[in-house]
Amino acid sequence: MNEPLSILLPYQRRWLADQSQVKVSEKSRRIGITWTEAADRALGAATGGRAGIDGWYIGYNKDMALEFVEAAARWARRFNRAAEAVEEIALADERADILAYRIRFASGHKIVALSSRPSNLRGKDGCAVIDEAAFHEDLPGLLKAALAFTMWGGLVRIISTHNGANNPFNELISEIRAGRRPYSLHRTTFDEALADGLYRKICEQSETEWSEAKQREWRQQIVDYYGDNVGEELFCIPRASSGAYLSSVLIEARMKAGIPILRWEMPAEFSGRPEADRYSETQAWCEDNLAPAIAALDPALASFFGEDFGRSGDLTVIWPLQIAHDLMRRTPFVVELRNIPFRNQEQVLFYVADRLPRFTMGAMDARGNGQYLAETAAQRYGARIVQVMLSESWYRENMPRYKAAFEDGTIEIPKDADVLADHRAIVLEQGVAKVAERRAGADGKGRHGDSAMAAALAFFASRADPGQIGYISAPVPGKRDTFDRRIDPFGAPPAEDELAGGRVRGF
């Protein structure tokens, strides 16, 4: 790394190292991303020939413009690159003169800071930097003008804290996470910046001693200072970001009548029955209910599934998906299990997954007790199983893509009151979509957004890259599996001659 750049913190280095054509920073206040961008623009403008690039900075007030060009000038001096003094200029406009600041470099390139009128960028090329994007009056217009730079190989940099959930900047972030915009996204909260050494750097600059205790005290002072705005100002949480994530109208628009939901519930005493009896009853239920639904699947389409785990309070939901030739994600059926023992849940899951045509990937809830079933499935199917530890970061990165499928009309789900209510249970909490508190289902029994999470995991699986996958052939179609006391149905795999007979681990 260039010696002057060695003073950068890790998150600043990541921003500088990313040379995507369009990149976006969703950030806390005062963590130095704009300052880092000034370094990049100084390097770009100081470089001679075709490798050099003009920089056009758009802030929303005069002070920001002057601060940026002065920071770029300081960086140029650090790099020992020839740069003339910052100068104030006026650019002709059809309505009025536009006040701007400019640095001219010996390379022939320049850095110019302009006001936030979209027309200011017309006819220009190089790198457009839109700073505190959420606070511009016409961000969509600025983006439209700036993105024209990319047609001739130019760059666009968009940097901002949040300014409300319905702000165009937050909408841009949501579109990136949904996969609609192919831009690079960086997210840095105040705590992440602290973890990367922000307060240490402040102590170095002020020549004061750093300690963990001082850092905790300083952090609390800053948090207290921002009061009710702390989430938006420091932690990348847009204000007023709460409420239902998917509207009833949007969910119902993607529902289709006739998709079966296969529900199985057993009394508590079922778990105390002999294993062979439980196995036989489970197998009979699978063949009576699952076999006809599986037989209706299109054998030419790739299949996926998602699974959300529950034992007694919550449901276990297995949600298959097939990707049609028009890229529609279609739900062929859904399995809901209530109060089914772990071993028999495994039996049902394997019955489905063994028979899914062109089974490509499954994503399973691996939290708590769900880890047992997810791990067992991964042992059976290898890399085709993704064991998902559902977390705030997983929700943040993946739920926007799931929502986009509803908005774009590329997913089809069952028309069912509980499925609707489960999807309505997904709410925004501090800017992140997740399942709300427990509620009752249509039958009066507990649900916790179970089918919605299984569907979201299935959608996630359908977008994953399976890579190179080995497989074990499924049982011979049409042959009824039998319980063989010589084989532990939940133990080690059977011998090759038994596999040839159509049984996989006794199923």
Protein backbone atom coordinates (compact mmCIF):
# COMPACT_ATOMS: atom_id res chain seq x y z
CA MET A 1 0.00 0.00 0.00
CA ASN A 2 1.17 3.56 -0.71
CA GLU A 3 2.83 4.79 2.50
CA PRO A 4 0.43 7.74 3.09
CA LEU A 5 -2.51 5.32 2.84
CA SER A 6 -1.14 3.17 5.67
CA ILE A 7 -2.94 5.47 8.11
CA LEU A 8 -6.32 4.22 6.87
CA LEU A 9 -8.42 1.93 9.04
CA PRO A 10 -9.52 -1.49 7.73
CA TYR A 11 -13.03 -0.40 6.66
CA GLN A 12 -11.50 2.62 4.88
CA ARG A 13 -9.01 0.36 3.11
CA ARG A 14 -11.83 -1.92 1.99
CA TRP A 15 -13.62 1.07 0.51
CA LEU A 16 -10.49 2.26 -1.28
CA ALA A 17 -9.60 -1.22 -2.56
CA ASP A 18 -13.03 -1.72 -4.13
CA GLN A 19 -12.76 -0.35 -7.65
CA SER A 20 -16.26 -1.32 -8.79
CA GLN A 21 -17.76 1.08 -11.33
CA VAL A 22 -20.57 1.93 -8.94
CA LYS A 23 -20.21 1.52 -5.20
CA VAL A 24 -22.37 2.69 -2.31
CA SER A 25 -21.48 3.35 1.33
CA GLU A 26 -24.24 3.04 3.96
CA LYS A 27 -22.50 4.47 6.99
CA SER A 28 -22.39 6.04 10.42
CA ARG A 29 -21.63 9.72 10.85
CA ARG A 30 -18.04 10.95 10.94
CA ILE A 31 -16.15 7.75 10.32
CA GLY A 32 -14.00 9.09 7.46
CA ILE A 33 -15.43 7.50 4.32
CA THR A 34 -15.66 10.85 2.48
CA TRP A 35 -12.11 11.64 3.62
CA THR A 36 -10.98 8.28 2.21
CA GLU A 37 -12.77 9.00 -1.06
CA ALA A 38 -10.90 12.31 -1.26
CA ALA A 39 -7.67 10.30 -1.21
CA ASP A 40 -8.85 8.14 -4.10
CA ARG A 41 -9.90 11.17 -6.12
CA ALA A 42 -6.52 12.85 -5.48
CA LEU A 43 -4.72 9.74 -6.74
CA GLY A 44 -6.98 9.52 -9.77
CA ALA A 45 -6.61 13.18 -10.76
CA ALA A 46 -2.84 13.26 -10.13
CA THR A 47 -2.22 10.30 -12.43
CA GLY A 48 -1.22 11.28 -15.93
CA GLY A 49 -2.44 9.92 -19.24
CA ARG A 50 -5.48 7.73 -19.82
CA ALA A 51 -5.13 6.14 -16.38
CA GLY A 52 -5.95 9.47 -14.75
CA ILE A 53 -9.52 10.58 -14.12
CA ASP A 54 -11.35 13.80 -13.28
CA GLY A 55 -13.32 13.88 -10.04
CA TRP A 56 -16.70 15.59 -9.66
CA TYR A 57 -17.91 15.98 -6.10
CA ILE A 58 -21.58 16.70 -5.28
CA GLY A 59 -22.36 17.75 -1.72
CA TYR A 60 -25.57 19.40 -0.57
CA ASN A 61 -23.98 22.60 0.74
CA LYS A 62 -20.99 24.89 0.16
CA ASP A 63 -19.14 23.89 3.33
CA MET A 64 -19.12 20.21 2.29
CA ALA A 65 -17.73 21.17 -1.11
CA LEU A 66 -14.89 23.20 0.36
CA GLU A 67 -14.10 20.51 2.95
CA PHE A 68 -13.81 17.83 0.26
CA VAL A 69 -11.52 19.73 -2.10
CA GLU A 70 -9.32 20.82 0.80
CA ALA A 71 -9.08 17.18 1.96
CA ALA A 72 -8.15 16.14 -1.59
CA ALA A 73 -5.49 18.86 -1.71
CA ARG A 74 -4.01 17.65 1.58
CA TRP A 75 -3.93 14.09 0.25
CA ALA A 76 -2.19 15.30 -2.93
CA ARG A 77 0.50 16.92 -0.80
CA ARG A 78 0.84 13.69 1.20
CA PHE A 79 1.32 11.82 -2.07
CA ASN A 80 3.73 14.59 -3.18
CA ARG A 81 1.70 15.07 -6.35
CA ALA A 82 1.69 18.49 -8.00
CA ALA A 83 -1.60 20.28 -7.38
CA GLU A 84 -2.39 23.95 -7.67
CA ALA A 85 -4.17 25.82 -4.90
CA VAL A 86 -7.87 25.35 -4.34
CA GLU A 87 -9.72 27.94 -6.38
CA GLU A 88 -13.32 29.15 -6.46
CA ILE A 89 -14.78 29.30 -9.96
CA ALA A 90 -18.12 29.99 -11.63
CA LEU A 91 -19.46 27.68 -14.34
CA ALA A 92 -21.96 29.06 -16.83
CA ASP A 93 -25.50 27.70 -16.55
CA GLU A 94 -28.62 28.56 -18.52
CA ARG A 95 -30.33 29.79 -15.38
CA ALA A 96 -27.51 31.03 -13.16
CA ASP A 97 -23.82 30.68 -12.50
CA ILE A 98 -22.89 27.57 -10.51
CA LEU A 99 -20.43 28.13 -7.70
CA ALA A 100 -17.73 25.46 -7.59
CA TYR A 101 -14.36 24.70 -6.10
CA ARG A 102 -11.56 23.20 -8.20
CA ILE A 103 -8.10 21.70 -7.85
CA ARG A 104 -6.01 21.51 -11.01
CA PHE A 105 -3.23 18.93 -11.25
CA ALA A 106 -0.08 18.96 -13.36
CA SER A 107 -1.44 15.80 -14.98
CA GLY A 108 -4.10 17.91 -16.70
CA HIS A 109 -6.88 16.34 -14.60
CA LYS A 110 -8.90 18.11 -11.95
CA ILE A 111 -11.19 17.71 -8.97
CA VAL A 112 -14.25 19.94 -9.00
CA ALA A 113 -16.91 20.27 -6.30
CA LEU A 114 -20.33 21.33 -7.61
CA SER A 115 -23.75 22.08 -6.20
CA SER A 116 -26.36 19.32 -6.28
CA ARG A 117 -28.24 20.24 -9.44
CA PRO A 118 -28.36 17.15 -11.73
CA SER A 119 -27.69 19.26 -14.82
CA ASN A 120 -24.24 20.11 -13.40
CA LEU A 121 -23.05 16.64 -14.44
CA ARG A 122 -24.20 16.82 -18.05
CA GLY A 123 -21.48 16.47 -20.63
CA LYS A 124 -18.86 15.45 -18.10
CA ASP A 125 -16.98 12.21 -17.48
CA GLY A 126 -14.68 10.77 -14.86
CA CYS A 127 -15.77 9.88 -11.33
CA ALA A 128 -18.95 11.32 -9.79
CA VAL A 129 -19.05 11.40 -5.98
CA ILE A 130 -22.47 11.99 -4.41
CA ASP A 131 -21.92 12.68 -0.72
CA GLU A 132 -24.67 12.48 1.94
CA ALA A 133 -26.90 11.28 -0.85
CA ALA A 134 -29.96 10.89 1.39
CA PHE A 135 -30.03 14.66 1.97
CA HIS A 136 -30.10 15.84 -1.66
CA GLU A 137 -33.36 17.29 -2.98
CA ASP A 138 -33.30 15.25 -6.19
CA LEU A 139 -31.25 12.11 -5.60
CA PRO A 140 -32.99 10.13 -8.41
CA GLY A 141 -32.09 12.93 -10.84
CA LEU A 142 -28.49 13.01 -9.62
CA LEU A 143 -28.18 9.24 -9.98
CA LYS A 144 -29.59 9.36 -13.50
CA ALA A 145 -27.03 11.99 -14.49
CA ALA A 146 -24.12 10.35 -12.67
CA LEU A 147 -24.73 6.85 -14.05
CA ALA A 148 -24.17 8.19 -17.56
CA PHE A 149 -20.48 8.35 -16.57
CA THR A 150 -20.33 4.55 -16.63
CA MET A 151 -21.07 4.40 -20.37
CA TRP A 152 -17.50 5.54 -21.10
CA GLY A 153 -15.86 3.64 -18.27
CA GLY A 154 -16.37 6.27 -15.59
CA LEU A 155 -17.06 5.70 -11.89
CA VAL A 156 -19.84 6.59 -9.45
CA ARG A 157 -19.44 6.79 -5.67
CA ILE A 158 -22.52 7.22 -3.44
CA ILE A 159 -21.94 7.91 0.26
CA SER A 160 -24.49 8.65 2.97
CA THR A 161 -25.99 8.17 6.38
CA HIS A 162 -29.71 7.44 6.39
CA ASN A 163 -32.50 10.03 6.31
CA GLY A 164 -35.73 8.05 6.71
CA ALA A 165 -37.04 4.69 5.56
CA ASN A 166 -38.87 6.15 2.55
CA ASN A 167 -35.89 8.18 1.36
CA PRO A 168 -34.57 7.42 -2.17
CA PHE A 169 -31.20 6.50 -0.62
CA ASN A 170 -32.77 3.75 1.51
CA GLU A 171 -34.77 2.61 -1.52
CA LEU A 172 -31.48 2.38 -3.45
CA ILE A 173 -29.95 0.26 -0.65
CA SER A 174 -32.99 -2.04 -0.70
CA GLU A 175 -32.74 -2.46 -4.48
CA ILE A 176 -29.05 -3.38 -4.21
CA ARG A 177 -29.80 -5.99 -1.56
CA ALA A 178 -32.69 -7.30 -3.65
CA GLY A 179 -30.30 -7.83 -6.56
CA ARG A 180 -31.99 -5.27 -8.81
CA ARG A 181 -28.97 -2.99 -8.96
CA PRO A 182 -25.54 -4.53 -9.67
CA TYR A 183 -23.67 -2.14 -7.41
CA SER A 184 -21.12 -2.82 -4.69
CA LEU A 185 -22.50 -2.09 -1.21
CA HIS A 186 -20.46 -1.27 1.91
CA ARG A 187 -22.11 -0.92 5.33
CA THR A 188 -20.21 0.46 8.32
CA THR A 189 -21.90 1.17 11.65
CA PHE A 190 -20.38 3.18 14.48
CA ASP A 191 -19.59 0.00 16.44
CA GLU A 192 -17.96 -1.61 13.41
CA ALA A 193 -15.79 1.48 12.94
CA LEU A 194 -14.83 1.34 16.63
CA ALA A 195 -13.91 -2.33 16.28
CA ASP A 196 -11.65 -1.37 13.37
CA GLY A 197 -9.84 1.22 15.49
CA LEU A 198 -11.71 4.53 15.03
CA TYR A 199 -11.30 5.67 18.63
CA ARG A 200 -7.66 4.53 18.70
CA LYS A 201 -7.06 6.76 15.69
CA ILE A 202 -8.81 9.67 17.40
CA CYS A 203 -6.59 9.18 20.43
CA GLU A 204 -3.49 9.15 18.23
CA GLN A 205 -4.53 12.39 16.56
CA SER A 206 -5.24 14.09 19.90
CA GLU A 207 -2.13 12.56 21.52
CA THR A 208 -4.14 11.00 24.34
CA GLU A 209 -3.86 7.52 25.78
CA TRP A 210 -6.30 4.87 24.53
CA SER A 211 -7.95 2.29 26.79
CA GLU A 212 -10.97 0.03 26.61
CA ALA A 213 -12.60 1.92 29.47
CA LYS A 214 -12.11 5.28 27.77
CA GLN A 215 -13.47 3.90 24.53
CA ARG A 216 -16.62 2.59 26.23
CA GLU A 217 -17.13 5.96 27.96
CA TRP A 218 -16.59 7.90 24.73
CA ARG A 219 -18.94 5.62 22.81
CA GLN A 220 -21.69 6.13 25.39
CA GLN A 221 -21.22 9.90 25.23
CA ILE A 222 -21.67 9.87 21.46
CA VAL A 223 -24.71 7.59 21.67
CA ASP A 224 -26.27 9.81 24.32
CA TYR A 225 -25.57 12.88 22.23
CA TYR A 226 -27.65 11.60 19.32
CA GLY A 227 -30.57 10.58 21.54
CA ASP A 228 -33.59 9.32 19.59
CA ASN A 229 -31.69 9.67 16.30
CA VAL A 230 -28.91 7.30 17.31
CA GLY A 231 -30.12 4.39 15.16
CA GLU A 232 -30.17 6.45 11.99
CA GLU A 233 -27.09 8.56 12.67
CA LEU A 234 -24.75 5.87 13.97
CA PHE A 235 -26.11 2.39 13.24
CA CYS A 236 -27.44 2.53 9.67
CA ILE A 237 -31.08 2.09 10.74
CA PRO A 238 -33.42 4.34 8.73
CA ARG A 239 -35.96 6.18 10.86
CA ALA A 240 -39.60 5.04 11.05
CA SER A 241 -38.62 1.66 9.61
CA SER A 242 -41.21 -0.51 11.30
CA GLY A 243 -44.42 -2.31 10.37
CA ALA A 244 -45.44 -5.14 8.05
CA TYR A 245 -42.81 -6.03 5.46
CA LEU A 246 -45.20 -7.51 2.88
CA SER A 247 -48.70 -6.18 2.33
CA SER A 248 -51.67 -8.55 2.19
CA VAL A 249 -52.41 -7.36 -1.34
CA LEU A 250 -48.88 -8.18 -2.50
CA ILE A 251 -48.86 -11.61 -0.82
CA GLU A 252 -52.29 -12.60 -2.14
CA ALA A 253 -51.26 -11.53 -5.65
CA ARG A 254 -48.65 -14.32 -5.61
CA MET A 255 -50.97 -16.99 -4.20
CA LYS A 256 -52.40 -19.78 -6.31
CA ALA A 257 -55.33 -22.00 -5.36
CA GLY A 258 -54.88 -25.77 -5.44
CA ILE A 259 -51.33 -26.01 -4.08
CA PRO A 260 -51.63 -28.67 -1.33
CA ILE A 261 -50.45 -28.06 2.22
CA LEU A 262 -49.86 -31.46 3.79
CA ARG A 263 -50.29 -31.15 7.55
CA TRP A 264 -49.48 -33.89 10.04
CA GLU A 265 -49.87 -33.65 13.81
CA MET A 266 -49.58 -36.43 16.38
CA PRO A 267 -50.43 -36.57 20.11
CA ALA A 268 -47.66 -36.36 22.70
CA GLU A 269 -47.83 -40.10 23.41
CA PHE A 270 -46.69 -40.83 19.83
CA SER A 271 -43.06 -40.11 20.77
CA GLY A 272 -43.20 -42.90 23.40
CA ARG A 273 -44.20 -45.64 20.99
CA PRO A 274 -41.65 -48.24 19.81
CA GLU A 275 -39.38 -46.93 17.07
CA ALA A 276 -40.54 -49.52 14.54
CA ASP A 277 -44.18 -48.52 15.07
CA ARG A 278 -43.39 -44.82 14.69
CA TYR A 279 -41.37 -45.54 11.57
CA SER A 280 -44.17 -47.59 9.98
CA GLU A 281 -46.85 -44.99 10.76
CA THR A 282 -44.66 -42.17 9.45
CA GLN A 283 -43.88 -44.13 6.28
CA ALA A 284 -47.56 -44.84 5.72
CA TRP A 285 -48.38 -41.13 6.10
CA CYS A 286 -45.63 -40.21 3.65
CA GLU A 287 -46.86 -42.66 1.02
CA ASP A 288 -50.50 -41.70 1.47
CA ASN A 289 -49.88 -37.93 1.41
CA LEU A 290 -46.45 -37.08 0.02
CA ALA A 291 -46.14 -39.65 -2.75
CA PRO A 292 -49.04 -38.25 -4.85
CA ALA A 293 -47.75 -34.68 -4.46
CA ILE A 294 -44.21 -35.68 -5.42
CA ALA A 295 -45.47 -37.69 -8.41
CA ALA A 296 -47.02 -34.49 -9.79
CA LEU A 297 -43.66 -32.67 -9.93
CA ASP A 298 -42.15 -31.84 -13.31
CA PRO A 299 -39.14 -34.18 -13.63
CA ALA A 300 -37.39 -31.78 -16.02
CA LEU A 301 -37.18 -28.89 -13.51
CA ALA A 302 -34.55 -28.28 -10.84
CA SER A 303 -35.89 -28.68 -7.29
CA PHE A 304 -34.95 -26.93 -4.05
CA PHE A 305 -36.34 -26.79 -0.54
CA GLY A 306 -36.29 -24.69 2.60
CA GLU A 307 -36.97 -25.95 6.12
CA ASP A 308 -37.88 -24.08 9.29
CA PHE A 309 -37.61 -26.24 12.39
CA GLY A 310 -40.01 -26.69 15.31
CA ARG A 311 -40.75 -29.51 17.72
CA SER A 312 -43.72 -28.90 20.01
CA GLY A 313 -44.47 -25.17 20.19
CA ASP A 314 -43.62 -24.25 16.60
CA LEU A 315 -44.10 -26.12 13.36
CA THR A 316 -41.50 -27.75 11.19
CA VAL A 317 -42.23 -26.63 7.64
CA ILE A 318 -40.64 -28.18 4.55
CA TRP A 319 -41.15 -25.95 1.50
CA PRO A 320 -40.10 -27.30 -1.93
CA LEU A 321 -39.59 -25.01 -4.93
CA GLN A 322 -39.09 -25.74 -8.60
CA ILE A 323 -37.67 -23.23 -11.05
CA ALA A 324 -39.71 -23.19 -14.27
CA HIS A 325 -38.28 -22.38 -17.69
CA ASP A 326 -39.56 -18.80 -17.32
CA LEU A 327 -37.55 -18.57 -14.03
CA MET A 328 -40.74 -18.53 -11.95
CA ARG A 329 -40.21 -20.12 -8.53
CA ARG A 330 -43.23 -22.39 -8.14
CA THR A 331 -44.30 -24.10 -4.92
CA PRO A 332 -45.61 -27.60 -5.72
CA PHE A 333 -46.70 -28.43 -2.14
CA VAL A 334 -45.82 -27.63 1.48
CA VAL A 335 -45.35 -29.98 4.44
CA GLU A 336 -46.25 -28.85 7.97
CA LEU A 337 -45.35 -31.08 10.94
CA ARG A 338 -46.57 -30.44 14.48
CA ASN A 339 -45.42 -32.41 17.53
CA ILE A 340 -43.50 -34.96 15.45
CA PRO A 341 -40.40 -36.58 17.07
CA PHE A 342 -36.97 -35.66 15.72
CA ARG A 343 -36.31 -39.04 14.12
CA ASN A 344 -39.61 -39.03 12.29
CA GLN A 345 -39.11 -35.47 11.09
CA GLU A 346 -35.85 -36.73 9.61
CA GLN A 347 -37.77 -39.57 7.97
CA VAL A 348 -40.28 -37.18 6.36
CA LEU A 349 -37.54 -34.80 5.21
CA PHE A 350 -35.53 -37.59 3.62
CA TYR A 351 -38.65 -39.00 1.97
CA VAL A 352 -39.20 -35.66 0.26
CA ALA A 353 -35.58 -34.80 -0.58
CA ASP A 354 -34.77 -38.30 -1.91
CA ARG A 355 -37.58 -37.98 -4.44
CA LEU A 356 -37.33 -34.35 -5.54
CA PRO A 357 -36.45 -34.40 -9.26
CA ARG A 358 -33.08 -32.82 -10.00
CA PHE A 359 -32.65 -31.93 -6.34
CA THR A 360 -30.07 -29.16 -6.32
CA MET A 361 -30.00 -27.39 -2.96
CA GLY A 362 -31.75 -27.22 0.40
CA ALA A 363 -31.45 -24.50 3.06
CA MET A 364 -32.25 -25.51 6.62
CA ASP A 365 -32.74 -23.65 9.89
CA ALA A 366 -29.75 -24.73 11.99
CA ARG A 367 -30.56 -22.84 15.20
CA GLY A 368 -31.06 -24.67 18.49
CA ASN A 369 -32.59 -28.12 18.10
CA GLY A 370 -32.84 -27.53 14.35
CA GLN A 371 -29.11 -28.06 14.16
CA TYR A 372 -29.58 -31.83 14.58
CA LEU A 373 -31.81 -32.18 11.53
CA ALA A 374 -29.72 -29.78 9.42
CA GLU A 375 -26.51 -31.61 10.30
CA THR A 376 -28.02 -35.02 9.57
CA ALA A 377 -29.28 -33.80 6.21
CA ALA A 378 -25.85 -32.37 5.38
CA GLN A 379 -24.28 -35.74 6.19
CA ARG A 380 -26.71 -37.43 3.80
CA TYR A 381 -26.75 -34.92 0.92
CA GLY A 382 -23.38 -33.23 1.32
CA ALA A 383 -22.87 -29.77 -0.19
CA ARG A 384 -26.46 -29.66 -1.36
CA ILE A 385 -27.52 -28.68 2.18
CA VAL A 386 -26.84 -25.18 3.51
CA GLN A 387 -27.07 -25.05 7.30
CA VAL A 388 -28.34 -21.53 7.99
CA MET A 389 -27.86 -19.80 11.33
CA LEU A 390 -30.60 -17.22 10.99
CA SER A 391 -29.23 -13.89 12.21
CA GLU A 392 -29.81 -10.20 11.74
CA SER A 393 -27.15 -10.07 9.02
CA TRP A 394 -28.78 -13.01 7.18
CA TYR A 395 -32.17 -11.29 7.31
CA ARG A 396 -30.67 -7.99 6.18
CA GLU A 397 -28.96 -9.50 3.17
CA ASN A 398 -31.60 -12.00 2.05
CA MET A 399 -35.08 -10.76 2.90
CA PRO A 400 -34.96 -7.87 0.36
CA ARG A 401 -34.39 -10.44 -2.40
CA TYR A 402 -37.34 -12.49 -1.18
CA LYS A 403 -39.55 -9.40 -1.13
CA ALA A 404 -38.38 -8.50 -4.64
CA ALA A 405 -39.68 -11.87 -5.90
CA PHE A 406 -43.18 -10.86 -4.72
CA GLU A 407 -42.88 -7.40 -6.25
CA ASP A 408 -41.57 -8.79 -9.55
CA GLY A 409 -44.11 -11.62 -9.71
CA THR A 410 -41.45 -14.37 -9.88
CA ILE A 411 -42.72 -16.58 -7.05
CA GLU A 412 -45.90 -18.62 -6.60
CA ILE A 413 -47.13 -19.76 -3.16
CA PRO A 414 -50.22 -21.60 -1.83
CA LYS A 415 -53.47 -19.73 -1.31
CA ASP A 416 -53.91 -20.38 2.40
CA ALA A 417 -54.89 -18.27 5.40
CA ASP A 418 -52.01 -19.47 7.59
CA VAL A 419 -49.43 -18.93 4.85
CA LEU A 420 -50.79 -15.40 4.41
CA ALA A 421 -50.66 -14.73 8.16
CA ASP A 422 -47.14 -16.15 8.43
CA HIS A 423 -45.92 -13.80 5.71
CA ARG A 424 -47.70 -10.88 7.37
CA ALA A 425 -45.78 -11.80 10.53
CA ILE A 426 -42.58 -10.60 8.84
CA VAL A 427 -42.08 -7.06 10.06
CA LEU A 428 -39.40 -4.41 9.89
CA GLU A 429 -37.64 -3.98 13.21
CA GLN A 430 -35.01 -1.26 13.19
CA GLY A 431 -34.72 -1.52 9.44
CA VAL A 432 -34.35 -5.33 9.29
CA ALA A 433 -37.12 -7.70 8.16
CA LYS A 434 -37.66 -10.54 10.62
CA VAL A 435 -40.49 -12.60 12.10
CA ALA A 436 -42.56 -10.86 14.80
CA GLU A 437 -43.59 -12.32 18.14
CA ARG A 438 -45.62 -15.53 18.40
CA ARG A 439 -49.25 -15.50 17.27
CA ALA A 440 -52.04 -18.08 16.86
CA GLY A 441 -52.78 -19.77 13.57
CA ALA A 442 -56.15 -20.19 11.90
CA ASP A 443 -56.69 -23.37 13.96
CA GLY A 444 -55.96 -21.51 17.21
CA LYS A 445 -52.59 -23.26 17.68
CA GLY A 446 -49.26 -21.50 17.92
CA ARG A 447 -47.42 -20.34 14.81
CA HIS A 448 -44.39 -18.12 14.53
CA GLY A 449 -44.15 -17.18 10.85
CA ASP A 450 -43.01 -20.77 10.27
CA SER A 451 -44.10 -21.21 6.66
CA ALA A 452 -42.81 -17.75 5.69
CA MET A 453 -39.33 -18.57 6.96
CA ALA A 454 -39.33 -21.97 5.23
CA ALA A 455 -40.36 -20.25 1.98
CA ALA A 456 -37.66 -17.59 2.39
CA LEU A 457 -35.07 -20.33 2.98
CA ALA A 458 -36.30 -22.20 -0.11
CA PHE A 459 -35.94 -19.02 -2.15
CA PHE A 460 -32.44 -18.54 -0.72
CA ALA A 461 -31.56 -22.12 -1.70
CA SER A 462 -32.87 -21.54 -5.23
CA ARG A 463 -30.40 -18.69 -5.66
CA ALA A 464 -27.36 -20.48 -4.21
CA ASP A 465 -24.54 -21.86 -6.34
CA PRO A 466 -24.51 -25.63 -5.87
CA GLY A 467 -21.06 -26.20 -7.38
CA GLN A 468 -19.96 -29.77 -7.96
CA ILE A 469 -22.30 -32.14 -6.16
CA GLY A 470 -22.19 -35.91 -5.80
CA TYR A 471 -25.33 -37.94 -5.09
CA ILE A 472 -26.82 -41.27 -4.07
CA SER A 473 -29.66 -42.49 -6.25
CA ALA A 474 -33.15 -42.37 -4.75
CA PRO A 475 -35.33 -45.46 -4.26
CA VAL A 476 -36.81 -47.08 -7.33
CA PRO A 477 -39.99 -45.15 -8.28
CA GLY A 478 -43.18 -47.02 -7.43
CA LYS A 479 -41.54 -49.45 -5.04
CA ARG A 480 -42.93 -49.33 -1.50
CA ASP A 481 -40.14 -48.96 1.06
CA THR A 482 -40.23 -51.53 3.85
CA PHE A 483 -38.86 -51.48 7.35
CA ASP A 484 -36.02 -54.01 7.59
CA ARG A 485 -34.99 -54.86 11.15
CA ARG A 486 -31.49 -55.74 9.89
CA ILE A 487 -30.94 -52.06 9.02
CA ASP A 488 -31.11 -49.21 11.49
CA PRO A 489 -33.24 -46.74 9.53
CA PHE A 490 -31.49 -43.85 11.24
CA GLY A 491 -28.02 -45.34 11.51
CA ALA A 492 -25.18 -46.13 9.15
CA PRO A 493 -25.81 -46.37 5.38
CA PRO A 494 -26.70 -49.85 4.10
CA ALA A 495 -24.34 -51.94 2.03
CA GLU A 496 -24.06 -51.48 -1.73
CA ASP A 497 -26.18 -54.57 -2.48
CA GLU A 498 -28.97 -53.11 -0.33
CA LEU A 499 -28.70 -49.77 -2.15
CA ALA A 500 -29.03 -51.63 -5.42
CA GLY A 501 -32.29 -53.03 -4.14
CA GLY A 502 -33.75 -49.54 -3.91
CA ARG A 503 -33.27 -48.64 -0.25
CA VAL A 504 -31.24 -45.68 1.00
CA ARG A 505 -30.50 -45.96 4.73
CA GLY A 506 -33.59 -48.14 5.09
CA PHE A 507 -36.05 -45.58 3.65
